[in-house]
Amino acid sequence: MLKSGARKVMWVGRATVFLVGLSVISAVVFGVTATAFAANGKPFILGKTNAARAITTLVKQGPGPALNLAVNAEQPPMKVNSQGKVAISTPIS
């Protein structure tokens, strides 16, 4: 009886280790895949890092501003990781 109980405990332990390992491997594989396809052709996800393989362009159509950044008075409206200056370009027609 003791031997039978020990076998059942060992079987449950092995099954648990197997399922936990399978879950971790699945999470890593699907997590990496989801990251690779994250913002390519999809809307920006607020509060998350959005990566794209191409330049994102905003084209204004109709009245009003092309971009409106609303922030508190003590916050900068935009932050960049470069000291480069933005060149003035001709309008897109």
N, C-alpha and C. Protein backbone atom coordinates (compact mmCIF):
# COMPACT_ATOMS: atom_id res chain seq x y z
N MET A 1 0.82 -1.18 0.00
CA MET A 1 0.00 0.00 0.00
C MET A 1 0.87 1.26 0.00
N LEU A 2 1.91 1.27 0.80
CA LEU A 2 2.82 2.42 0.86
C LEU A 2 3.53 2.60 -0.48
N LYS A 3 3.90 1.47 -1.09
CA LYS A 3 4.59 1.51 -2.38
C LYS A 3 3.66 2.07 -3.46
N SER A 4 2.41 1.69 -3.44
CA SER A 4 1.43 2.18 -4.41
C SER A 4 1.20 3.69 -4.25
N GLY A 5 1.13 4.15 -3.02
CA GLY A 5 0.95 5.59 -2.75
C GLY A 5 2.15 6.40 -3.21
N ALA A 6 3.35 5.86 -2.97
CA ALA A 6 4.57 6.54 -3.41
C ALA A 6 4.62 6.65 -4.93
N ARG A 7 4.19 5.60 -5.63
CA ARG A 7 4.17 5.63 -7.09
C ARG A 7 3.22 6.72 -7.61
N LYS A 8 2.07 6.83 -6.97
CA LYS A 8 1.10 7.85 -7.39
C LYS A 8 1.65 9.26 -7.16
N VAL A 9 2.30 9.46 -6.02
CA VAL A 9 2.90 10.77 -5.73
C VAL A 9 3.98 11.09 -6.75
N MET A 10 4.82 10.12 -7.08
CA MET A 10 5.88 10.33 -8.08
C MET A 10 5.28 10.63 -9.46
N TRP A 11 4.22 9.92 -9.83
CA TRP A 11 3.58 10.16 -11.12
C TRP A 11 3.02 11.58 -11.20
N VAL A 12 2.35 12.01 -10.13
CA VAL A 12 1.80 13.37 -10.10
C VAL A 12 2.94 14.39 -10.17
N GLY A 13 4.03 14.14 -9.47
CA GLY A 13 5.18 15.05 -9.50
C GLY A 13 5.77 15.17 -10.89
N ARG A 14 5.96 14.03 -11.57
CA ARG A 14 6.51 14.05 -12.93
C ARG A 14 5.56 14.76 -13.89
N ALA A 15 4.28 14.50 -13.77
CA ALA A 15 3.30 15.15 -14.65
C ALA A 15 3.30 16.66 -14.43
N THR A 16 3.41 17.08 -13.19
CA THR A 16 3.43 18.51 -12.88
C THR A 16 4.67 19.17 -13.47
N VAL A 17 5.83 18.57 -13.31
CA VAL A 17 7.07 19.11 -13.86
C VAL A 17 6.96 19.19 -15.38
N PHE A 18 6.43 18.18 -16.02
CA PHE A 18 6.28 18.18 -17.47
C PHE A 18 5.37 19.32 -17.92
N LEU A 19 4.22 19.48 -17.27
CA LEU A 19 3.28 20.53 -17.68
C LEU A 19 3.82 21.93 -17.43
N VAL A 20 4.52 22.13 -16.33
CA VAL A 20 5.13 23.43 -16.07
C VAL A 20 6.19 23.74 -17.12
N GLY A 21 7.03 22.76 -17.44
CA GLY A 21 8.05 22.94 -18.48
C GLY A 21 7.43 23.25 -19.82
N LEU A 22 6.39 22.54 -20.18
CA LEU A 22 5.70 22.78 -21.44
C LEU A 22 5.09 24.18 -21.48
N SER A 23 4.54 24.62 -20.37
CA SER A 23 3.95 25.96 -20.30
C SER A 23 5.01 27.04 -20.47
N VAL A 24 6.15 26.88 -19.84
CA VAL A 24 7.22 27.86 -19.95
C VAL A 24 7.74 27.93 -21.39
N ILE A 25 7.97 26.79 -21.99
CA ILE A 25 8.45 26.76 -23.38
C ILE A 25 7.42 27.40 -24.31
N SER A 26 6.15 27.10 -24.13
CA SER A 26 5.10 27.71 -24.96
C SER A 26 5.05 29.21 -24.78
N ALA A 27 5.17 29.68 -23.55
CA ALA A 27 5.13 31.12 -23.29
C ALA A 27 6.30 31.83 -23.97
N VAL A 28 7.47 31.24 -23.92
CA VAL A 28 8.64 31.85 -24.56
C VAL A 28 8.47 31.88 -26.07
N VAL A 29 8.07 30.76 -26.67
CA VAL A 29 7.91 30.70 -28.12
C VAL A 29 6.83 31.66 -28.60
N PHE A 30 5.66 31.64 -27.99
CA PHE A 30 4.58 32.52 -28.43
C PHE A 30 4.84 33.97 -28.08
N GLY A 31 5.55 34.24 -27.00
CA GLY A 31 5.91 35.61 -26.63
C GLY A 31 6.85 36.23 -27.64
N VAL A 32 7.86 35.49 -28.08
CA VAL A 32 8.81 35.99 -29.08
C VAL A 32 8.10 36.20 -30.41
N THR A 33 7.24 35.29 -30.78
CA THR A 33 6.50 35.43 -32.04
C THR A 33 5.60 36.65 -32.00
N ALA A 34 4.90 36.87 -30.91
CA ALA A 34 4.01 38.03 -30.79
C ALA A 34 4.80 39.33 -30.85
N THR A 35 5.99 39.36 -30.25
CA THR A 35 6.82 40.56 -30.29
C THR A 35 7.28 40.85 -31.71
N ALA A 36 7.62 39.84 -32.48
CA ALA A 36 8.10 40.04 -33.84
C ALA A 36 7.03 40.65 -34.73
N PHE A 37 5.76 40.36 -34.47
CA PHE A 37 4.69 40.87 -35.32
C PHE A 37 3.99 42.08 -34.71
N ALA A 38 4.51 42.62 -33.60
CA ALA A 38 3.81 43.66 -32.84
C ALA A 38 3.32 44.82 -33.67
N ALA A 39 3.79 45.86 -33.98
CA ALA A 39 3.08 46.99 -34.58
C ALA A 39 3.19 47.06 -36.09
N ASN A 40 3.60 46.03 -36.76
CA ASN A 40 3.73 46.07 -38.21
C ASN A 40 2.37 45.97 -38.89
N GLY A 41 1.90 47.12 -39.37
CA GLY A 41 0.60 47.15 -40.02
C GLY A 41 -0.56 47.21 -39.05
N LYS A 42 -0.29 47.36 -37.79
CA LYS A 42 -1.35 47.41 -36.78
C LYS A 42 -1.31 48.77 -36.09
N PRO A 43 -2.36 49.15 -35.38
CA PRO A 43 -2.38 50.42 -34.68
C PRO A 43 -1.34 50.48 -33.57
N PHE A 44 -0.96 51.70 -33.19
CA PHE A 44 -0.07 51.86 -32.04
C PHE A 44 -0.78 51.35 -30.79
N ILE A 45 -0.03 50.70 -29.93
CA ILE A 45 -0.57 50.20 -28.67
C ILE A 45 -0.10 51.15 -27.58
N LEU A 46 -1.04 51.87 -26.99
CA LEU A 46 -0.69 52.87 -25.99
C LEU A 46 -0.11 52.22 -24.74
N GLY A 47 0.94 52.84 -24.19
CA GLY A 47 1.56 52.34 -22.97
C GLY A 47 2.54 51.20 -23.20
N LYS A 48 2.76 50.82 -24.45
CA LYS A 48 3.68 49.72 -24.77
C LYS A 48 4.71 50.22 -25.77
N THR A 49 5.84 49.52 -25.87
CA THR A 49 6.83 49.82 -26.90
C THR A 49 6.32 49.26 -28.21
N ASN A 50 6.24 50.12 -29.23
CA ASN A 50 5.77 49.71 -30.55
C ASN A 50 6.96 49.68 -31.50
N ALA A 51 7.19 48.55 -32.14
CA ALA A 51 8.29 48.41 -33.08
C ALA A 51 7.71 48.19 -34.47
N ALA A 52 8.37 48.76 -35.48
CA ALA A 52 7.91 48.59 -36.85
C ALA A 52 9.12 48.38 -37.75
N ARG A 53 8.90 47.73 -38.87
CA ARG A 53 9.98 47.48 -39.83
C ARG A 53 10.05 48.55 -40.91
N ALA A 54 9.12 49.48 -40.91
CA ALA A 54 9.10 50.54 -41.91
C ALA A 54 8.84 51.87 -41.22
N ILE A 55 9.11 52.97 -41.94
CA ILE A 55 8.86 54.30 -41.41
C ILE A 55 7.36 54.54 -41.33
N THR A 56 6.93 55.10 -40.23
CA THR A 56 5.52 55.43 -40.06
C THR A 56 5.31 56.86 -40.53
N THR A 57 4.34 57.07 -41.39
CA THR A 57 4.06 58.38 -41.96
C THR A 57 2.64 58.80 -41.58
N LEU A 58 2.50 60.06 -41.23
CA LEU A 58 1.19 60.62 -40.92
C LEU A 58 0.87 61.63 -42.01
N VAL A 59 -0.20 61.39 -42.77
CA VAL A 59 -0.62 62.29 -43.84
C VAL A 59 -1.93 62.93 -43.42
N LYS A 60 -1.94 64.25 -43.38
CA LYS A 60 -3.14 64.99 -42.97
C LYS A 60 -4.09 65.11 -44.15
N GLN A 61 -5.35 64.82 -43.89
CA GLN A 61 -6.40 64.99 -44.90
C GLN A 61 -7.54 65.75 -44.25
N GLY A 62 -7.93 66.86 -44.82
CA GLY A 62 -9.02 67.64 -44.26
C GLY A 62 -8.52 68.73 -43.32
N PRO A 63 -9.46 69.48 -42.75
CA PRO A 63 -9.08 70.61 -41.89
C PRO A 63 -8.53 70.16 -40.54
N GLY A 64 -7.84 71.07 -39.89
CA GLY A 64 -7.31 70.78 -38.55
C GLY A 64 -5.86 70.35 -38.59
N PRO A 65 -5.25 70.25 -37.43
CA PRO A 65 -3.83 69.88 -37.37
C PRO A 65 -3.61 68.41 -37.70
N ALA A 66 -2.41 68.10 -38.19
CA ALA A 66 -2.06 66.70 -38.48
C ALA A 66 -1.76 65.95 -37.20
N LEU A 67 -1.26 66.67 -36.20
CA LEU A 67 -0.90 66.02 -34.94
C LEU A 67 -1.13 66.99 -33.80
N ASN A 68 -1.76 66.52 -32.74
CA ASN A 68 -2.00 67.34 -31.56
C ASN A 68 -1.47 66.58 -30.35
N LEU A 69 -0.47 67.16 -29.68
CA LEU A 69 0.11 66.54 -28.50
C LEU A 69 -0.29 67.37 -27.29
N ALA A 70 -1.11 66.83 -26.43
CA ALA A 70 -1.59 67.54 -25.25
C ALA A 70 -0.91 66.97 -24.00
N VAL A 71 -0.18 67.83 -23.28
CA VAL A 71 0.53 67.40 -22.08
C VAL A 71 0.32 68.43 -20.97
N ASN A 72 0.69 68.06 -19.75
CA ASN A 72 0.67 69.01 -18.65
C ASN A 72 1.74 70.07 -18.86
N ALA A 73 1.60 71.22 -18.21
CA ALA A 73 2.51 72.34 -18.41
C ALA A 73 3.96 71.99 -18.11
N GLU A 74 4.22 71.12 -17.15
CA GLU A 74 5.60 70.80 -16.78
C GLU A 74 6.22 69.67 -17.60
N GLN A 75 5.47 69.12 -18.55
CA GLN A 75 5.98 68.01 -19.35
C GLN A 75 6.31 68.46 -20.76
N PRO A 76 7.38 67.92 -21.35
CA PRO A 76 7.66 68.24 -22.76
C PRO A 76 6.66 67.51 -23.66
N PRO A 77 6.28 68.11 -24.78
CA PRO A 77 5.31 67.46 -25.66
C PRO A 77 5.87 66.26 -26.41
N MET A 78 7.21 66.20 -26.54
CA MET A 78 7.80 65.09 -27.28
C MET A 78 9.23 64.87 -26.80
N LYS A 79 9.70 63.64 -26.84
CA LYS A 79 11.07 63.31 -26.47
C LYS A 79 11.65 62.45 -27.57
N VAL A 80 12.88 62.75 -27.97
CA VAL A 80 13.56 61.97 -29.00
C VAL A 80 14.92 61.53 -28.48
N ASN A 81 15.52 60.55 -29.13
CA ASN A 81 16.83 60.05 -28.69
C ASN A 81 17.95 60.52 -29.61
N SER A 82 17.80 61.70 -30.22
CA SER A 82 18.78 62.21 -31.15
C SER A 82 18.91 63.72 -31.00
N GLN A 83 20.09 64.24 -31.31
CA GLN A 83 20.31 65.68 -31.33
C GLN A 83 20.11 66.24 -32.72
N GLY A 84 19.77 65.39 -33.70
CA GLY A 84 19.58 65.83 -35.08
C GLY A 84 18.43 66.81 -35.22
N LYS A 85 18.53 67.66 -36.22
CA LYS A 85 17.48 68.64 -36.51
C LYS A 85 16.56 68.09 -37.60
N VAL A 86 15.31 68.51 -37.55
CA VAL A 86 14.33 68.08 -38.54
C VAL A 86 14.42 69.00 -39.74
N ALA A 87 14.60 68.42 -40.91
CA ALA A 87 14.67 69.20 -42.14
C ALA A 87 13.27 69.55 -42.61
N ILE A 88 13.13 70.75 -43.18
CA ILE A 88 11.84 71.15 -43.74
C ILE A 88 11.73 70.51 -45.10
N SER A 89 10.63 69.80 -45.34
CA SER A 89 10.45 69.12 -46.62
C SER A 89 9.27 69.73 -47.36
N THR A 90 9.19 69.40 -48.63
CA THR A 90 8.06 69.88 -49.43
C THR A 90 6.83 69.09 -49.08
N PRO A 91 5.66 69.70 -49.14
CA PRO A 91 4.42 68.97 -48.81
C PRO A 91 4.19 67.80 -49.76
N ILE A 92 3.57 66.76 -49.22
CA ILE A 92 3.19 65.59 -50.01
C ILE A 92 1.86 65.92 -50.68
N SER A 93 1.81 65.71 -51.99
CA SER A 93 0.54 66.01 -52.69
C SER A 93 -0.21 64.79 -53.08
